[in-house]
């Protein structure tokens, strides 16, 4: 085809050369690692995960370095060997061991039953601590916890306050007990003298009648009992600042001076013509008929559910008829105990109770309160020792389970040289049944 033809717009003839030649493929571009990573993980989630991994890794390295540094500081370097050979260190055993605990005899006795209990210092973290404490408590004698708190039963040793523990109670706010107030009848609330004065004896040796101070004391108690135990009558007199809480009234023969000592007023009060008034609320453990029994030197009185139910006293009070009942047994019939009125209770019902104890001339004091159930499930045991062997042993009245009772002490059975024909050994406290009767207190 000529150039002229081409210019004239004529196309060249078709040939097979163009049809059999494949077009050349373009070469793909090679992407680097970052481009591929971004193409695959460009999402915000993946970037967030990556950032957290980096932070956690850095934190781990930092913590390891700190810990290693502290370990290096805590390393102990052994001292250089001694020229005489390896040093030998002898360690002495600690004195606070079970073997070093204070030896406890069969029982701890004292002539002061309300003396504060000074228990030996002990390491209560030691496994031997509770055992030592239990042995001390179980061995207490007349100096024991006559009105203390605690014991091994429910709500016993675990909750027993030991500080200031005396036979009259303990200073504190223990629940379930009877709270007592101490009054000195020899002085008014503003510390002025009263007509109740101290004498060498509660009887006038010339007439055999009660001395003037004793008569005034008994008149005051008659007024108190007749006026429904109105505390305002007692509040006319000097009152100890501190109160005491007790779970039982069982105080063997002690010095009358121990009462003002227990309440912390021994410097202000001479140990004569004093009164302690306890109050509380108790719950009957079961339906039944009960009565209180007691022995006192000088006076023990009980008011239950608003009624005068027991009076035990070596002194004659005009108000004694308020506590009397028909066919009441005599003291002789009960082996030296005074009996009270029978009263009915219902299981689970709460009742107010008040107890008054009092000392007149000073010297020695005693107050022991027991209780009897008319139809007891099992008979009470008999007293086996002392001058009243064969008489019934009654259970102690308590307001909390597990309170220890001072063990019975055999009196001196040998009569003195000037003993009268009807002389009998005097017991510090009566022998009682082993199981107390508990009216839980509130």
Protein backbone atom coordinates (compact mmCIF):
# COMPACT_ATOMS: atom_id res chain seq x y z
CA UNK A 1 0.00 0.00 0.00
CA UNK A 2 1.46 3.26 -1.09
CA UNK A 3 1.93 6.27 1.04
CA UNK A 4 -0.71 7.92 -1.02
CA UNK A 5 -3.18 5.29 -0.15
CA UNK A 6 -2.50 5.69 3.46
CA UNK A 7 -2.94 9.32 3.39
CA UNK A 8 -6.16 8.79 1.47
CA UNK A 9 -7.58 7.03 4.51
CA UNK A 10 -7.29 3.46 3.37
CA UNK A 11 -6.44 0.91 6.16
CA UNK A 12 -3.75 -1.73 5.70
CA UNK A 13 -4.80 -5.29 5.14
CA UNK A 14 -5.41 -7.58 8.29
CA UNK A 15 -2.55 -9.88 9.30
CA UNK A 16 -2.19 -12.68 11.94
CA UNK A 17 0.83 -11.14 13.62
CA UNK A 18 -1.12 -8.90 15.95
CA UNK A 19 -3.58 -11.67 16.94
CA UNK A 20 -0.96 -14.22 18.05
CA UNK A 21 1.17 -11.87 20.12
CA UNK A 22 -0.01 -11.73 23.84
CA UNK A 23 0.00 -8.30 25.44
CA UNK A 24 2.76 -7.78 27.98
CA UNK A 25 1.57 -8.08 31.69
CA UNK A 26 2.57 -5.20 33.88
CA UNK A 27 4.88 -6.17 36.87
CA UNK A 28 3.14 -5.90 40.32
CA UNK A 29 4.58 -3.36 42.81
CA UNK A 30 6.38 -5.00 45.83
CA UNK A 31 5.02 -3.58 49.17
CA UNK A 32 7.27 -3.25 52.22
CA UNK A 33 6.45 -4.67 55.72
CA UNK A 34 4.89 -1.48 57.07
CA UNK A 35 2.59 -1.12 54.03
CA UNK A 36 1.41 -4.68 54.39
CA UNK A 37 0.92 -4.23 58.18
CA UNK A 38 -1.12 -1.08 57.65
CA UNK A 39 -3.17 -2.74 54.97
CA UNK A 40 -3.96 -5.62 57.34
CA UNK A 41 -4.25 -3.91 60.75
CA UNK A 42 -5.21 -0.37 60.23
CA UNK A 43 -8.11 -0.64 62.61
CA UNK A 44 -8.14 1.30 65.92
CA UNK A 45 -8.75 -1.89 67.97
CA UNK A 46 -5.52 -3.56 66.83
CA UNK A 47 -3.53 -0.41 67.49
CA UNK A 48 -5.03 -0.18 71.01
CA UNK A 49 -4.09 -3.78 71.78
CA UNK A 50 -0.56 -3.14 70.55
CA UNK A 51 -0.23 -0.08 72.78
CA UNK A 52 -1.39 -2.00 75.86
CA UNK A 53 1.05 -4.82 75.20
CA UNK A 54 3.91 -2.33 75.05
CA UNK A 55 2.83 -0.61 78.31
CA UNK A 56 2.41 -3.90 80.18
CA UNK A 57 5.79 -5.09 79.01
CA UNK A 58 7.44 -1.93 80.25
CA UNK A 59 5.69 -2.10 83.59
CA UNK A 60 6.76 -5.71 84.08
CA UNK A 61 10.38 -4.84 83.52
CA UNK A 62 10.16 -1.96 86.00
CA UNK A 63 8.57 -4.14 88.75
CA UNK A 64 11.17 -6.86 88.35
CA UNK A 65 13.98 -4.33 88.71
CA UNK A 66 12.46 -2.86 91.91
CA UNK A 67 11.94 -6.28 93.50
CA UNK A 68 15.43 -7.41 92.66
CA UNK A 69 16.81 -4.22 94.17
CA UNK A 70 14.97 -4.82 97.45
CA UNK A 71 16.10 -8.41 97.64
CA UNK A 72 19.68 -7.23 97.35
CA UNK A 73 19.15 -4.90 100.33
CA UNK A 74 17.72 -7.71 102.47
CA UNK A 75 20.60 -10.07 102.01
CA UNK A 76 22.39 -11.04 105.20
CA UNK A 77 26.10 -11.39 105.12
CA UNK A 78 27.53 -14.03 107.37
CA UNK A 79 30.27 -12.85 109.71
CA UNK A 80 33.80 -13.96 108.95
CA UNK A 81 34.75 -17.29 110.49
CA UNK A 82 36.29 -17.13 113.93
CA UNK A 83 39.89 -18.02 114.35
CA UNK A 84 38.92 -20.58 116.93
CA UNK A 85 36.63 -22.34 114.55
CA UNK A 86 32.97 -22.11 113.79
CA UNK A 87 31.02 -20.03 116.34
CA UNK A 88 28.38 -21.83 118.32
CA UNK A 89 25.31 -19.82 119.34
CA UNK A 90 23.25 -21.17 122.21
CA UNK A 91 19.67 -19.93 122.36
CA UNK A 92 17.99 -19.86 125.75
CA UNK A 93 14.33 -20.95 125.70
CA UNK A 94 11.80 -18.22 126.26
CA UNK A 95 10.40 -17.96 129.75
CA UNK A 96 6.88 -17.66 128.35
CA UNK A 97 6.27 -21.35 127.86
CA UNK A 98 3.63 -23.73 129.08
CA UNK A 99 6.08 -25.12 131.62
CA UNK A 100 6.75 -21.65 132.97
CA UNK A 101 3.09 -20.89 133.61
CA UNK A 102 2.26 -20.23 137.26
CA UNK A 103 1.72 -23.37 139.20
CA UNK A 104 -1.89 -23.74 140.24
CA UNK A 105 -2.80 -25.77 143.27
CA UNK A 106 -6.00 -27.68 143.65
CA UNK A 107 -7.69 -24.41 144.54
CA UNK A 108 -6.76 -20.87 145.44
CA UNK A 109 -8.15 -19.78 148.77
CA UNK A 110 -8.25 -16.53 150.64
CA UNK A 111 -10.02 -15.03 153.60
CA UNK A 112 -11.13 -12.16 151.37
CA UNK A 113 -13.65 -13.56 148.95
CA UNK A 114 -14.24 -10.27 147.25
CA UNK A 115 -10.61 -9.35 146.82
CA UNK A 116 -9.76 -8.33 143.29
CA UNK A 117 -8.36 -11.27 141.39
CA UNK A 118 -4.75 -10.58 140.38
CA UNK A 119 -4.22 -13.21 137.73
CA UNK A 120 -0.61 -13.95 136.71
CA UNK A 121 0.63 -12.27 133.57
CA UNK A 122 0.57 -14.65 130.65
CA UNK A 123 0.96 -14.64 126.93
CA UNK A 124 -2.57 -15.20 125.71
CA UNK A 125 -1.25 -15.79 122.20
CA UNK A 126 0.37 -18.95 123.49
CA UNK A 127 -1.50 -22.17 123.02
CA UNK A 128 -1.09 -22.81 126.73
CA UNK A 129 -2.83 -19.56 127.70
CA UNK A 130 -6.47 -20.75 127.76
CA UNK A 131 -5.54 -23.94 129.59
CA UNK A 132 -3.74 -21.99 132.29
CA UNK A 133 -6.68 -19.59 132.60
CA UNK A 134 -9.16 -22.44 132.86
CA UNK A 135 -7.12 -24.11 135.59
CA UNK A 136 -6.92 -20.85 137.53
CA UNK A 137 -10.68 -20.35 137.31
CA UNK A 138 -11.53 -23.92 138.20
CA UNK A 139 -9.29 -23.78 141.27
CA UNK A 140 -10.61 -20.62 142.85
CA UNK A 141 -11.60 -20.94 146.46
CA UNK A 142 -13.36 -18.53 148.80
CA UNK A 143 -11.53 -15.67 147.13
CA UNK A 144 -13.09 -16.79 143.90
CA UNK A 145 -15.58 -15.26 141.60
CA UNK A 146 -18.44 -15.10 144.03
CA UNK A 147 -20.06 -12.41 141.95
CA UNK A 148 -17.71 -12.49 139.07
CA UNK A 149 -18.41 -13.12 135.44
CA UNK A 150 -17.30 -15.77 133.04
CA UNK A 151 -16.76 -19.48 133.20
CA UNK A 152 -16.56 -22.22 130.68
CA UNK A 153 -20.13 -22.33 129.43
CA UNK A 154 -21.91 -20.33 126.76
CA UNK A 155 -21.09 -16.69 127.19
CA UNK A 156 -18.60 -17.73 129.85
CA UNK A 157 -14.80 -17.44 129.73
CA UNK A 158 -14.80 -15.92 126.26
CA UNK A 159 -16.83 -12.94 127.41
CA UNK A 160 -15.76 -12.66 131.03
CA UNK A 161 -14.26 -9.29 131.95
CA UNK A 162 -11.33 -9.86 134.27
CA UNK A 163 -10.43 -6.29 135.22
CA UNK A 164 -11.61 -5.41 138.72
CA UNK A 165 -13.32 -8.76 139.26
CA UNK A 166 -14.54 -9.18 142.86
CA UNK A 167 -17.11 -11.16 144.80
CA UNK A 168 -19.42 -8.15 144.51
CA UNK A 169 -19.14 -8.07 140.73
CA UNK A 170 -16.96 -6.20 138.28
CA UNK A 171 -16.81 -2.62 137.13
CA UNK A 172 -18.11 -2.42 133.61
CA UNK A 173 -21.20 -2.74 131.46
CA UNK A 174 -21.56 -6.48 131.00
CA UNK A 175 -24.93 -7.49 129.61
CA UNK A 176 -27.24 -9.89 131.38
CA UNK A 177 -26.11 -9.06 134.89
CA UNK A 178 -27.51 -7.31 137.93
CA UNK A 179 -26.19 -3.76 138.30
CA UNK A 180 -25.37 -2.77 141.87
CA UNK A 181 -25.06 0.58 143.65
CA UNK A 182 -23.17 1.01 146.92
CA UNK A 183 -24.52 3.29 149.68
CA UNK A 184 -22.97 4.38 152.96
CA UNK A 185 -25.75 4.96 155.46
CA UNK A 186 -23.46 6.79 157.89
CA UNK A 187 -23.27 9.90 155.71
CA UNK A 188 -25.64 11.86 153.50
CA UNK A 189 -25.22 12.40 149.80
CA UNK A 190 -23.30 15.62 150.57
CA UNK A 191 -21.02 13.82 153.06
CA UNK A 192 -22.66 14.93 156.32
CA UNK A 193 -23.07 12.48 159.27
CA UNK A 194 -26.40 10.73 159.82
CA UNK A 195 -28.03 9.19 162.88
CA UNK A 196 -26.78 5.78 161.70
CA UNK A 197 -23.54 5.65 163.65
CA UNK A 198 -20.92 2.96 164.08
CA UNK A 199 -20.85 0.94 167.30
CA UNK A 200 -18.61 -1.85 168.51
CA UNK A 201 -21.64 -4.17 168.45
CA UNK A 202 -25.12 -4.01 167.03
CA UNK A 203 -26.49 -4.62 170.54
CA UNK A 204 -26.16 -2.43 173.57
CA UNK A 205 -24.28 -4.57 176.10
CA UNK A 206 -26.06 -2.93 179.03
CA UNK A 207 -29.63 -3.54 177.79
CA UNK A 208 -29.25 -6.32 175.24
CA UNK A 209 -31.30 -4.26 172.78
CA UNK A 210 -30.15 -3.02 169.42
CA UNK A 211 -27.79 -0.06 169.62
CA UNK A 212 -29.01 3.31 168.41
CA UNK A 213 -27.11 3.16 165.13
CA UNK A 214 -28.41 -0.33 164.43
CA UNK A 215 -31.99 0.69 165.16
CA UNK A 216 -31.69 3.60 162.72
CA UNK A 217 -30.22 1.26 160.11
CA UNK A 218 -33.05 -1.27 160.45
CA UNK A 219 -35.65 1.50 160.37
CA UNK A 220 -34.20 2.71 157.08
CA UNK A 221 -34.42 -0.80 155.54
CA UNK A 222 -38.00 -1.23 156.79
CA UNK A 223 -38.88 2.02 155.05
CA UNK A 224 -37.18 0.90 151.85
CA UNK A 225 -38.91 -2.49 151.74
CA UNK A 226 -42.32 -1.02 152.64
CA UNK A 227 -42.05 1.66 149.96
CA UNK A 228 -41.64 -0.83 147.10
CA UNK A 229 -37.86 -0.55 147.12
CA UNK A 230 -37.90 3.14 146.23
CA UNK A 231 -34.33 4.06 145.30
CA UNK A 232 -34.88 7.68 146.31
CA UNK A 233 -34.75 6.49 149.93
CA UNK A 234 -31.22 5.15 149.45
CA UNK A 235 -30.13 8.09 147.32
CA UNK A 236 -30.36 10.32 150.38
CA UNK A 237 -27.08 8.72 151.43
CA UNK A 238 -23.55 8.79 150.09
CA UNK A 239 -23.32 6.72 146.90
CA UNK A 240 -20.21 5.29 145.27
CA UNK A 241 -19.58 6.73 141.84
CA UNK A 242 -18.88 3.38 140.19
CA UNK A 243 -21.41 0.59 139.84
CA UNK A 244 -20.76 -3.13 139.79
CA UNK A 245 -22.29 -5.87 137.61
CA UNK A 246 -22.79 -9.36 139.02
CA UNK A 247 -24.26 -12.59 137.65
CA UNK A 248 -24.87 -14.19 141.04
CA UNK A 249 -24.88 -13.26 144.71
CA UNK A 250 -22.76 -15.91 146.39
CA UNK A 251 -20.29 -14.35 148.80
CA UNK A 252 -18.71 -16.62 151.42
CA UNK A 253 -17.71 -15.22 154.80
CA UNK A 254 -15.39 -12.26 154.19
CA UNK A 255 -14.28 -9.00 155.73
CA UNK A 256 -16.96 -6.31 155.58
CA UNK A 257 -14.25 -3.91 154.41
CA UNK A 258 -14.14 -5.65 151.04
CA UNK A 259 -17.40 -4.06 149.87
CA UNK A 260 -16.21 -0.43 149.94
CA UNK A 261 -12.89 -1.62 148.50
CA UNK A 262 -14.68 -3.30 145.57
CA UNK A 263 -16.55 -0.09 144.79
CA UNK A 264 -13.42 2.04 145.18
CA UNK A 265 -14.58 4.06 148.20
CA UNK A 266 -12.52 2.49 150.97
CA UNK A 267 -10.97 5.90 151.73
CA UNK A 268 -14.37 7.56 152.15
CA UNK A 269 -16.36 4.77 153.81
CA UNK A 270 -15.73 2.84 157.01
CA UNK A 271 -16.74 -0.86 156.68
CA UNK A 272 -20.03 -0.70 158.62
CA UNK A 273 -23.65 0.27 157.89
CA UNK A 274 -23.39 -0.09 154.13
CA UNK A 275 -25.91 -1.34 151.55
CA UNK A 276 -25.56 -2.69 148.01
CA UNK A 277 -28.68 -2.61 145.86
CA UNK A 278 -28.71 -4.75 142.69
CA UNK A 279 -31.29 -4.48 139.91
CA UNK A 280 -31.90 -6.31 136.65
CA UNK A 281 -34.32 -8.15 134.39
CA UNK A 282 -34.27 -11.94 133.95
CA UNK A 283 -36.10 -14.42 131.75
CA UNK A 284 -37.70 -17.60 133.06
CA UNK A 285 -36.08 -20.72 131.57
CA UNK A 286 -39.27 -22.78 131.88
CA UNK A 287 -42.77 -22.79 133.31
CA UNK A 288 -42.82 -23.58 136.99
CA UNK A 289 -42.98 -22.59 140.61
CA UNK A 290 -39.83 -21.42 142.39
CA UNK A 291 -38.65 -19.92 145.64
CA UNK A 292 -35.39 -18.37 146.76
CA UNK A 293 -33.31 -19.55 149.70
CA UNK A 294 -30.47 -17.74 151.35
CA UNK A 295 -28.11 -17.19 154.22
CA UNK A 296 -26.67 -13.84 155.24
CA UNK A 297 -24.69 -12.00 157.85
CA UNK A 298 -26.20 -9.52 158.16
CA UNK A 299 -28.99 -9.13 155.56
CA UNK A 300 -30.00 -10.49 152.14
CA UNK A 301 -33.38 -9.58 150.60
CA UNK A 302 -34.94 -10.28 147.18
CA UNK A 303 -37.81 -8.62 145.31
CA UNK A 304 -39.07 -10.52 142.26
CA UNK A 305 -41.70 -9.25 139.84
CA UNK A 306 -42.64 -6.49 142.27
CA UNK A 307 -43.09 -8.81 145.27
CA UNK A 308 -40.96 -9.22 148.41
CA UNK A 309 -40.04 -12.90 148.20
CA UNK A 310 -37.02 -13.52 150.45
CA UNK A 311 -35.47 -12.08 153.59
CA UNK A 312 -32.46 -13.74 155.20
CA UNK A 313 -31.03 -11.78 158.12
CA UNK A 314 -29.46 -12.25 161.52
CA UNK A 315 -31.34 -9.12 162.63
CA UNK A 316 -35.03 -8.71 163.30
CA UNK A 317 -36.80 -6.29 160.95
CA UNK A 318 -40.39 -5.14 161.35
CA UNK A 319 -40.85 -5.60 157.60
CA UNK A 320 -40.04 -9.32 157.80
CA UNK A 321 -43.75 -10.18 157.69
CA UNK A 322 -43.88 -8.83 154.13
CA UNK A 323 -41.57 -11.66 153.07
CA UNK A 324 -43.33 -14.39 155.05
CA UNK A 325 -45.76 -17.00 153.78
CA UNK A 326 -47.91 -19.68 155.35
CA UNK A 327 -46.30 -23.00 156.19
CA UNK A 328 -42.84 -21.57 155.51
CA UNK A 329 -40.14 -23.94 156.84
CA UNK A 330 -37.87 -22.75 159.61
CA UNK A 331 -34.16 -22.10 159.31
CA UNK A 332 -33.54 -25.21 161.37
CA UNK A 333 -35.60 -27.32 158.96
CA UNK A 334 -33.45 -26.20 156.01
CA UNK A 335 -30.06 -26.59 157.64
CA UNK A 336 -29.40 -22.93 158.39
CA UNK A 337 -31.07 -21.49 155.28
CA UNK A 338 -33.95 -19.03 155.13
CA UNK A 339 -36.73 -19.85 152.67
CA UNK A 340 -38.78 -17.38 150.66
CA UNK A 341 -42.22 -17.27 149.08
CA UNK A 342 -43.16 -19.47 146.14
CA UNK A 343 -43.75 -17.61 142.88
CA UNK A 344 -44.88 -18.67 139.42
CA UNK A 345 -43.04 -17.96 136.15
CA UNK A 346 -43.73 -18.60 132.48
CA UNK A 347 -41.06 -19.75 130.08
CA UNK A 348 -39.62 -16.92 128.01
CA UNK A 349 -41.29 -14.17 130.03
CA UNK A 350 -39.11 -11.43 131.52
CA UNK A 351 -39.30 -10.39 135.19
CA UNK A 352 -37.68 -7.53 137.13
CA UNK A 353 -35.55 -8.59 140.07
CA UNK A 354 -33.83 -6.67 142.87
CA UNK A 355 -31.40 -7.92 145.51
CA UNK A 356 -30.25 -6.00 148.59
CA UNK A 357 -27.32 -6.98 150.77
CA UNK A 358 -26.31 -5.08 153.89
CA UNK A 359 -23.77 -5.05 156.69
CA UNK A 360 -24.58 -3.42 160.05
CA UNK A 361 -21.79 -3.35 162.66
CA UNK A 362 -18.85 -4.31 160.44
CA UNK A 363 -16.47 -7.18 160.96
CA UNK A 364 -17.49 -10.17 158.82
CA UNK A 365 -20.02 -10.36 156.00
CA UNK A 366 -21.78 -13.16 154.10
CA UNK A 367 -24.55 -13.41 151.49
CA UNK A 368 -25.43 -16.56 149.50
CA UNK A 369 -28.51 -16.78 147.28
CA UNK A 370 -29.92 -20.10 146.07
CA UNK A 371 -33.17 -21.14 144.36
CA UNK A 372 -35.48 -24.16 144.46
CA UNK A 373 -37.90 -25.47 141.85
CA UNK A 374 -41.02 -26.98 143.38
CA UNK A 375 -41.17 -29.82 140.84
CA UNK A 376 -37.58 -30.30 139.81
CA UNK A 377 -36.88 -32.81 137.04
CA UNK A 378 -34.38 -34.57 139.30
CA UNK A 379 -34.02 -34.46 143.08
CA UNK A 380 -31.44 -32.16 144.60
CA UNK A 381 -28.44 -33.83 146.25
CA UNK A 382 -27.82 -33.94 149.96
CA UNK A 383 -25.05 -32.06 151.69
CA UNK A 384 -22.24 -34.48 152.39
CA UNK A 385 -19.92 -32.45 154.60
CA UNK A 386 -20.00 -30.00 157.45
CA UNK A 387 -22.43 -29.50 160.28
CA UNK A 388 -25.46 -29.75 157.99
CA UNK A 389 -24.66 -33.04 156.31
CA UNK A 390 -27.86 -34.74 155.17
CA UNK A 391 -29.75 -31.53 154.48
CA UNK A 392 -30.67 -30.61 150.90
CA UNK A 393 -28.06 -28.82 148.80
CA UNK A 394 -29.84 -26.24 146.62
CA UNK A 395 -28.59 -24.77 143.35
CA UNK A 396 -27.14 -21.27 143.12
CA UNK A 397 -29.26 -18.66 141.32
CA UNK A 398 -27.46 -17.14 138.34
CA UNK A 399 -28.29 -14.81 135.45
CA UNK A 400 -25.65 -16.15 133.07
CA UNK A 401 -24.48 -19.63 132.23
CA UNK A 402 -20.98 -20.73 133.11
CA UNK A 403 -20.29 -18.61 136.19
CA UNK A 404 -17.83 -20.37 138.54
CA UNK A 405 -18.90 -20.91 142.13
CA UNK A 406 -16.38 -20.93 144.99
CA UNK A 407 -15.96 -24.56 146.06
CA UNK A 408 -17.26 -25.69 149.41
CA UNK A 409 -14.80 -25.41 152.28
CA UNK A 410 -14.97 -27.85 155.14
CA UNK A 411 -15.21 -25.87 158.40
CA UNK A 412 -13.15 -26.56 161.46
CA UNK A 413 -15.10 -29.28 163.27
CA UNK A 414 -13.08 -29.04 166.48
CA UNK A 415 -15.01 -26.95 169.04
CA UNK A 416 -13.16 -24.15 170.81
CA UNK A 417 -12.32 -24.52 174.55
CA UNK A 418 -15.23 -22.29 175.60
CA UNK A 419 -17.78 -23.84 173.21
CA UNK A 420 -21.40 -24.07 174.32
CA UNK A 421 -23.21 -27.44 174.35
CA UNK A 422 -25.15 -26.56 171.17
CA UNK A 423 -22.01 -25.40 169.33
CA UNK A 424 -21.78 -26.29 165.62
CA UNK A 425 -19.01 -25.65 163.10
CA UNK A 426 -19.67 -22.48 161.16
CA UNK A 427 -19.57 -22.73 157.39
CA UNK A 428 -18.18 -19.89 155.27
CA UNK A 429 -20.81 -20.80 152.70
CA UNK A 430 -23.36 -23.60 152.40
CA UNK A 431 -22.70 -26.65 150.29
CA UNK A 432 -24.74 -26.27 147.07
CA UNK A 433 -25.97 -28.42 144.20
CA UNK A 434 -23.46 -28.77 141.35
CA UNK A 435 -25.72 -27.33 138.65
CA UNK A 436 -26.90 -23.71 139.09
CA UNK A 437 -30.34 -22.59 137.92
CA UNK A 438 -29.98 -19.87 135.32
CA UNK A 439 -32.56 -17.17 134.66
CA UNK A 440 -30.83 -15.43 131.75
CA UNK A 441 -30.46 -11.71 132.33
CA UNK A 442 -31.07 -8.96 129.83
